[in-house]
Amino acid sequence: MGSPTARYLAIALFSAVIACSPGGAEHAAGGAGPAEAAPLDTLLARLRGGPVDAREQAAVALSRPGPRLEERVEALGTALRDTNSQVSSTAAWALSQLGAASIPTLVRSLTDYRPAVRRNAVYALGALGPAAVPATRAVNSALTDPDPTVRKMAAWAMRQLGPNPSKWAGGAELGSADDLDAGLKGLNPMERLNAVLRYKAYAGDEDRSVPLLIRALGDEDTRVRNAAGDALVALGAPARAALSAALSDSNPVVRREASVTLVRLGGNLH
């Protein structure tokens, strides 16, 4: 099947081929002739109970503009939890084509017990781009999902929301040095971890962020320390001098983590 990203690209290509073929959406509906599009009720029925190919094709057809938007979103939200991975990922792509109306359904799907469903929902939110800014909190939470494929997709999705995706409650721009500073002061380790992961998704303003990440190398939580090290490695050369200086830090944990991170960067410890 390949990577999830490749799968979504294949779905987009599949949809484009259908749209350009004789009969277009009519063939996508699974069996209707070129002169007569399948009725919406027929598409909904095929999505809920047809063979795999018919369910997938119905999802593509339901992604196109048309009436009864809420009903189509609801049906595709159910298909997002389909036991067949092809149908589930196609439903995710289809929801991303329907715009902001899909956001509540996709956010709810982020709590599903199946990693594949959560990953597909995060993908769809990212594919919505800036239209999904109202879901920034949910995408941010997915950065610490138990499943690594969901976390990776969430990092991608955060970048799709825009360079400065959201401000809430008068807070700093997400992913900025100010956001990193505020997040690292949080009492909850998950709050600090999310702040580092948000920053890593954008990785800008090195002059202000590098000292904050160096400080985070001494965090009491292993996950925060590891995330800070990963962010410093991602920054590359701009972090090397600060890591070298941190080898003399008064905190032994910072010294240890700085040495490990510097080695990862290929730095000289002497």
Protein backbone atom coordinates (compact mmCIF):
# COMPACT_ATOMS: atom_id res chain seq x y z
CA MET A 1 0.00 0.00 0.00
CA GLY A 2 2.97 2.37 0.60
CA SER A 3 3.12 5.36 2.92
CA PRO A 4 -0.06 7.16 4.03
CA THR A 5 1.00 10.25 2.08
CA ALA A 6 1.42 8.20 -1.10
CA ARG A 7 -2.02 6.73 -0.54
CA TYR A 8 -3.65 10.18 -0.30
CA LEU A 9 -1.85 11.30 -3.47
CA ALA A 10 -3.13 8.20 -5.23
CA ILE A 11 -6.68 9.02 -4.14
CA ALA A 12 -6.38 12.55 -5.52
CA LEU A 13 -5.12 11.16 -8.82
CA PHE A 14 -7.92 8.59 -8.85
CA SER A 15 -10.47 11.38 -8.37
CA ALA A 16 -8.93 13.47 -11.15
CA VAL A 17 -9.00 10.55 -13.58
CA ILE A 18 -12.65 9.87 -12.78
CA ALA A 19 -13.58 13.53 -13.22
CA CYS A 20 -11.92 13.64 -16.66
CA SER A 21 -13.24 10.31 -17.91
CA PRO A 22 -16.43 9.82 -19.91
CA GLY A 23 -19.30 9.89 -17.46
CA GLY A 24 -17.11 11.45 -14.76
CA ALA A 25 -18.76 11.27 -11.38
CA GLU A 26 -21.38 8.94 -12.77
CA HIS A 27 -18.79 6.16 -13.17
CA ALA A 28 -17.33 7.08 -9.79
CA ALA A 29 -20.71 6.29 -8.33
CA GLY A 30 -20.27 2.73 -9.49
CA GLY A 31 -22.43 1.68 -12.39
CA ALA A 32 -24.61 4.58 -13.48
CA GLY A 33 -24.45 5.50 -17.15
CA PRO A 34 -22.68 8.58 -18.46
CA ALA A 35 -25.91 10.43 -19.11
CA GLU A 36 -27.32 9.97 -15.61
CA ALA A 37 -25.55 10.72 -12.34
CA ALA A 38 -26.19 8.42 -9.40
CA PRO A 39 -28.69 10.02 -6.98
CA LEU A 40 -27.28 11.18 -3.68
CA ASP A 41 -29.28 8.57 -1.77
CA THR A 42 -27.73 5.87 -3.96
CA LEU A 43 -24.23 7.15 -3.24
CA LEU A 44 -24.92 7.24 0.49
CA ALA A 45 -26.25 3.69 0.39
CA ARG A 46 -23.19 2.45 -1.52
CA LEU A 47 -20.88 4.17 0.94
CA ARG A 48 -22.58 2.47 3.86
CA GLY A 49 -22.97 -1.04 2.47
CA GLY A 50 -21.50 -1.62 -0.94
CA PRO A 51 -18.40 -3.61 -1.93
CA VAL A 52 -15.04 -2.03 -1.17
CA ASP A 53 -14.61 -0.51 -4.64
CA ALA A 54 -18.13 0.89 -4.59
CA ARG A 55 -17.63 2.40 -1.12
CA GLU A 56 -14.38 4.02 -2.20
CA GLN A 57 -15.86 5.39 -5.43
CA ALA A 58 -18.92 6.68 -3.60
CA ALA A 59 -16.66 8.55 -1.16
CA VAL A 60 -14.92 10.27 -4.07
CA ALA A 61 -18.26 11.22 -5.64
CA LEU A 62 -19.57 12.58 -2.33
CA SER A 63 -16.58 14.91 -2.04
CA ARG A 64 -17.87 17.07 -4.86
CA PRO A 65 -20.01 20.18 -4.30
CA GLY A 66 -23.68 19.41 -3.92
CA PRO A 67 -26.72 19.47 -1.65
CA ARG A 68 -27.20 18.00 1.84
CA LEU A 69 -23.66 18.82 2.93
CA GLU A 70 -24.20 17.88 6.57
CA GLU A 71 -25.55 14.47 5.61
CA ARG A 72 -22.59 13.81 3.32
CA VAL A 73 -20.13 14.84 6.03
CA GLU A 74 -21.82 12.55 8.53
CA ALA A 75 -21.71 9.61 6.12
CA LEU A 76 -18.06 10.20 5.27
CA GLY A 77 -17.27 10.54 8.97
CA THR A 78 -18.71 7.06 9.47
CA ALA A 79 -16.70 5.81 6.49
CA LEU A 80 -13.58 7.23 8.10
CA ARG A 81 -13.96 4.38 10.62
CA ASP A 82 -14.44 1.76 7.89
CA THR A 83 -12.52 -1.44 8.57
CA ASN A 84 -11.05 -1.29 5.06
CA SER A 85 -8.02 1.02 4.97
CA GLN A 86 -8.69 2.11 1.37
CA VAL A 87 -12.20 3.25 2.21
CA SER A 88 -11.06 4.98 5.39
CA SER A 89 -8.28 6.96 3.71
CA THR A 90 -10.52 7.85 0.77
CA ALA A 91 -13.15 9.13 3.19
CA ALA A 92 -10.48 11.27 4.87
CA TRP A 93 -9.50 12.77 1.53
CA ALA A 94 -13.16 13.36 0.67
CA LEU A 95 -13.77 15.16 3.97
CA SER A 96 -10.80 17.40 3.28
CA GLN A 97 -12.50 18.46 0.04
CA LEU A 98 -15.71 19.51 1.79
CA GLY A 99 -14.14 22.37 3.73
CA ALA A 100 -14.72 23.65 7.24
CA ALA A 101 -18.01 21.75 7.59
CA SER A 102 -15.90 18.62 8.14
CA ILE A 103 -13.94 19.99 11.10
CA PRO A 104 -16.23 18.85 13.98
CA THR A 105 -16.40 15.31 12.56
CA LEU A 106 -12.64 15.15 12.07
CA VAL A 107 -11.90 16.49 15.56
CA ARG A 108 -14.16 13.85 17.10
CA SER A 109 -12.35 11.19 15.11
CA LEU A 110 -9.07 12.14 16.80
CA THR A 111 -10.30 10.30 19.90
CA ASP A 112 -10.92 7.02 18.05
CA TYR A 113 -9.11 4.03 19.54
CA ARG A 114 -7.62 3.07 16.16
CA PRO A 115 -4.40 4.86 15.15
CA ALA A 116 -5.27 4.64 11.45
CA VAL A 117 -8.51 6.54 12.00
CA ARG A 118 -6.74 9.22 14.03
CA ARG A 119 -4.00 9.51 11.41
CA ASN A 120 -6.54 9.86 8.60
CA ALA A 121 -8.42 12.53 10.56
CA VAL A 122 -5.23 14.50 11.19
CA TYR A 123 -4.35 14.25 7.50
CA ALA A 124 -7.75 15.63 6.51
CA LEU A 125 -7.38 18.57 8.91
CA GLY A 126 -3.96 19.35 7.49
CA ALA A 127 -5.24 19.06 3.94
CA LEU A 128 -7.87 21.67 4.78
CA GLY A 129 -5.01 24.12 5.30
CA PRO A 130 -5.77 27.49 6.92
CA ALA A 131 -9.47 26.64 6.90
CA ALA A 132 -8.69 24.21 9.75
CA VAL A 133 -7.24 26.88 12.05
CA PRO A 134 -10.23 26.47 14.42
CA ALA A 135 -8.98 22.89 14.98
CA THR A 136 -5.44 23.98 15.90
CA ARG A 137 -5.82 22.79 19.48
CA ALA A 138 -6.84 19.33 18.31
CA VAL A 139 -3.97 19.05 15.83
CA ASN A 140 -1.60 20.27 18.53
CA SER A 141 -2.81 17.52 20.88
CA ALA A 142 -2.14 14.93 18.18
CA LEU A 143 1.55 15.88 18.31
CA THR A 144 1.76 13.71 21.44
CA ASP A 145 -0.45 10.86 20.22
CA PRO A 146 0.70 7.41 21.44
CA ASP A 147 1.14 6.29 17.83
CA PRO A 148 4.24 7.58 15.98
CA THR A 149 2.49 7.68 12.58
CA VAL A 150 -0.17 9.97 14.04
CA ARG A 151 2.49 12.22 15.58
CA LYS A 152 4.33 12.46 12.27
CA MET A 153 1.12 13.33 10.44
CA ALA A 154 0.27 15.93 13.10
CA ALA A 155 3.64 17.66 12.60
CA TRP A 156 2.89 17.82 8.88
CA ALA A 157 -0.65 19.08 9.53
CA MET A 158 0.57 21.86 11.83
CA ARG A 159 2.70 23.25 9.02
CA GLN A 160 -0.27 23.20 6.64
CA LEU A 161 -2.28 25.50 8.90
CA GLY A 162 0.01 28.39 7.96
CA PRO A 163 3.19 30.04 9.25
CA ASN A 164 1.34 31.49 12.24
CA PRO A 165 -1.68 29.23 12.55
CA SER A 166 -3.49 30.59 15.55
CA LYS A 167 -3.65 32.77 18.60
CA TRP A 168 -5.92 31.77 21.42
CA ALA A 169 -6.72 33.59 24.66
CA GLY A 170 -4.32 36.35 23.70
CA GLY A 171 -1.43 33.89 23.59
CA ALA A 172 1.63 33.87 21.37
CA GLU A 173 1.68 32.69 17.80
CA LEU A 174 1.89 28.90 17.82
CA GLY A 175 5.37 27.65 17.04
CA SER A 176 7.02 31.01 17.78
CA ALA A 177 9.80 31.62 20.31
CA ASP A 178 7.26 33.36 22.56
CA ASP A 179 5.01 30.32 22.40
CA LEU A 180 7.97 28.07 23.20
CA ASP A 181 8.96 30.25 26.16
CA ALA A 182 5.43 30.29 27.57
CA GLY A 183 4.92 26.56 27.02
CA LEU A 184 8.17 25.57 28.72
CA LYS A 185 7.00 27.37 31.84
CA GLY A 186 3.97 25.10 32.11
CA LEU A 187 3.62 22.86 35.15
CA ASN A 188 2.28 19.96 33.10
CA PRO A 189 4.99 17.99 31.24
CA MET A 190 2.65 17.47 28.29
CA GLU A 191 2.24 21.22 27.98
CA ARG A 192 6.00 21.64 27.83
CA LEU A 193 6.37 18.78 25.37
CA ASN A 194 3.70 20.20 23.08
CA ALA A 195 5.45 23.57 23.09
CA VAL A 196 8.70 21.99 21.89
CA LEU A 197 6.95 19.89 19.25
CA ARG A 198 5.02 22.92 17.99
CA TYR A 199 8.24 24.86 17.68
CA LYS A 200 9.96 21.98 15.87
CA ALA A 201 7.21 22.02 13.24
CA TYR A 202 8.22 25.57 12.29
CA ALA A 203 11.81 25.92 13.58
CA GLY A 204 12.31 29.66 13.25
CA ASP A 205 13.80 32.56 15.23
CA GLU A 206 16.90 30.59 16.24
CA ASP A 207 18.49 33.43 18.23
CA ARG A 208 15.68 33.38 20.79
CA SER A 209 14.67 29.75 20.65
CA VAL A 210 18.04 28.00 20.98
CA PRO A 211 18.65 29.17 24.59
CA LEU A 212 15.13 28.01 25.48
CA LEU A 213 15.76 24.60 23.96
CA ILE A 214 19.08 24.35 25.80
CA ARG A 215 17.22 25.01 29.02
CA ALA A 216 14.68 22.34 28.09
CA LEU A 217 17.54 19.80 27.90
CA GLY A 218 17.44 19.88 31.70
CA ASP A 219 13.70 19.28 31.98
CA GLU A 220 12.65 16.71 34.56
CA ASP A 221 10.60 14.86 31.92
CA THR A 222 12.52 12.58 29.55
CA ARG A 223 10.13 13.22 26.69
CA VAL A 224 10.67 16.98 26.90
CA ARG A 225 14.45 16.52 26.99
CA ASN A 226 14.37 14.21 23.98
CA ALA A 227 12.11 16.56 22.02
CA ALA A 228 14.39 19.51 22.79
CA GLY A 229 17.39 17.52 21.58
CA ASP A 230 15.55 16.59 18.38
CA ALA A 231 14.64 20.25 17.78
CA LEU A 232 18.26 21.35 18.28
CA VAL A 233 19.48 18.70 15.87
CA ALA A 234 16.87 19.85 13.35
CA LEU A 235 18.18 23.41 13.67
CA GLY A 236 21.67 22.18 12.82
CA ALA A 237 24.56 24.65 12.70
CA PRO A 238 22.78 27.50 14.56
CA ALA A 239 22.57 25.25 17.64
CA ARG A 240 26.18 24.01 17.69
CA ALA A 241 27.80 26.95 19.53
CA ALA A 242 25.10 27.01 22.20
CA LEU A 243 25.42 23.26 22.74
CA SER A 244 29.19 23.57 23.10
CA ALA A 245 28.71 26.29 25.70
CA ALA A 246 26.17 24.12 27.52
CA LEU A 247 28.88 21.53 28.18
CA SER A 248 29.90 23.84 31.05
CA ASP A 249 26.35 24.39 32.34
CA SER A 250 25.85 24.19 36.11
CA ASN A 251 23.10 21.59 35.61
CA PRO A 252 24.61 18.12 35.08
CA VAL A 253 21.55 16.97 33.14
CA VAL A 254 21.95 19.84 30.68
CA ARG A 255 25.64 19.00 30.31
CA ARG A 256 24.87 15.35 29.60
CA GLU A 257 22.06 16.05 27.13
CA ALA A 258 24.09 18.76 25.41
CA SER A 259 26.98 16.36 24.86
CA VAL A 260 24.66 13.71 23.42
CA THR A 261 22.99 16.25 21.14
CA LEU A 262 26.31 17.69 20.03
CA VAL A 263 27.51 14.23 19.06
CA ARG A 264 24.31 13.78 17.03
CA LEU A 265 25.18 17.02 15.26
CA GLY A 266 28.72 15.84 14.62
CA GLY A 267 30.22 18.43 16.95
CA ASN A 268 33.57 18.27 18.70
CA LEU A 269 33.30 17.85 22.47
CA HIS A 270 36.89 19.03 23.11
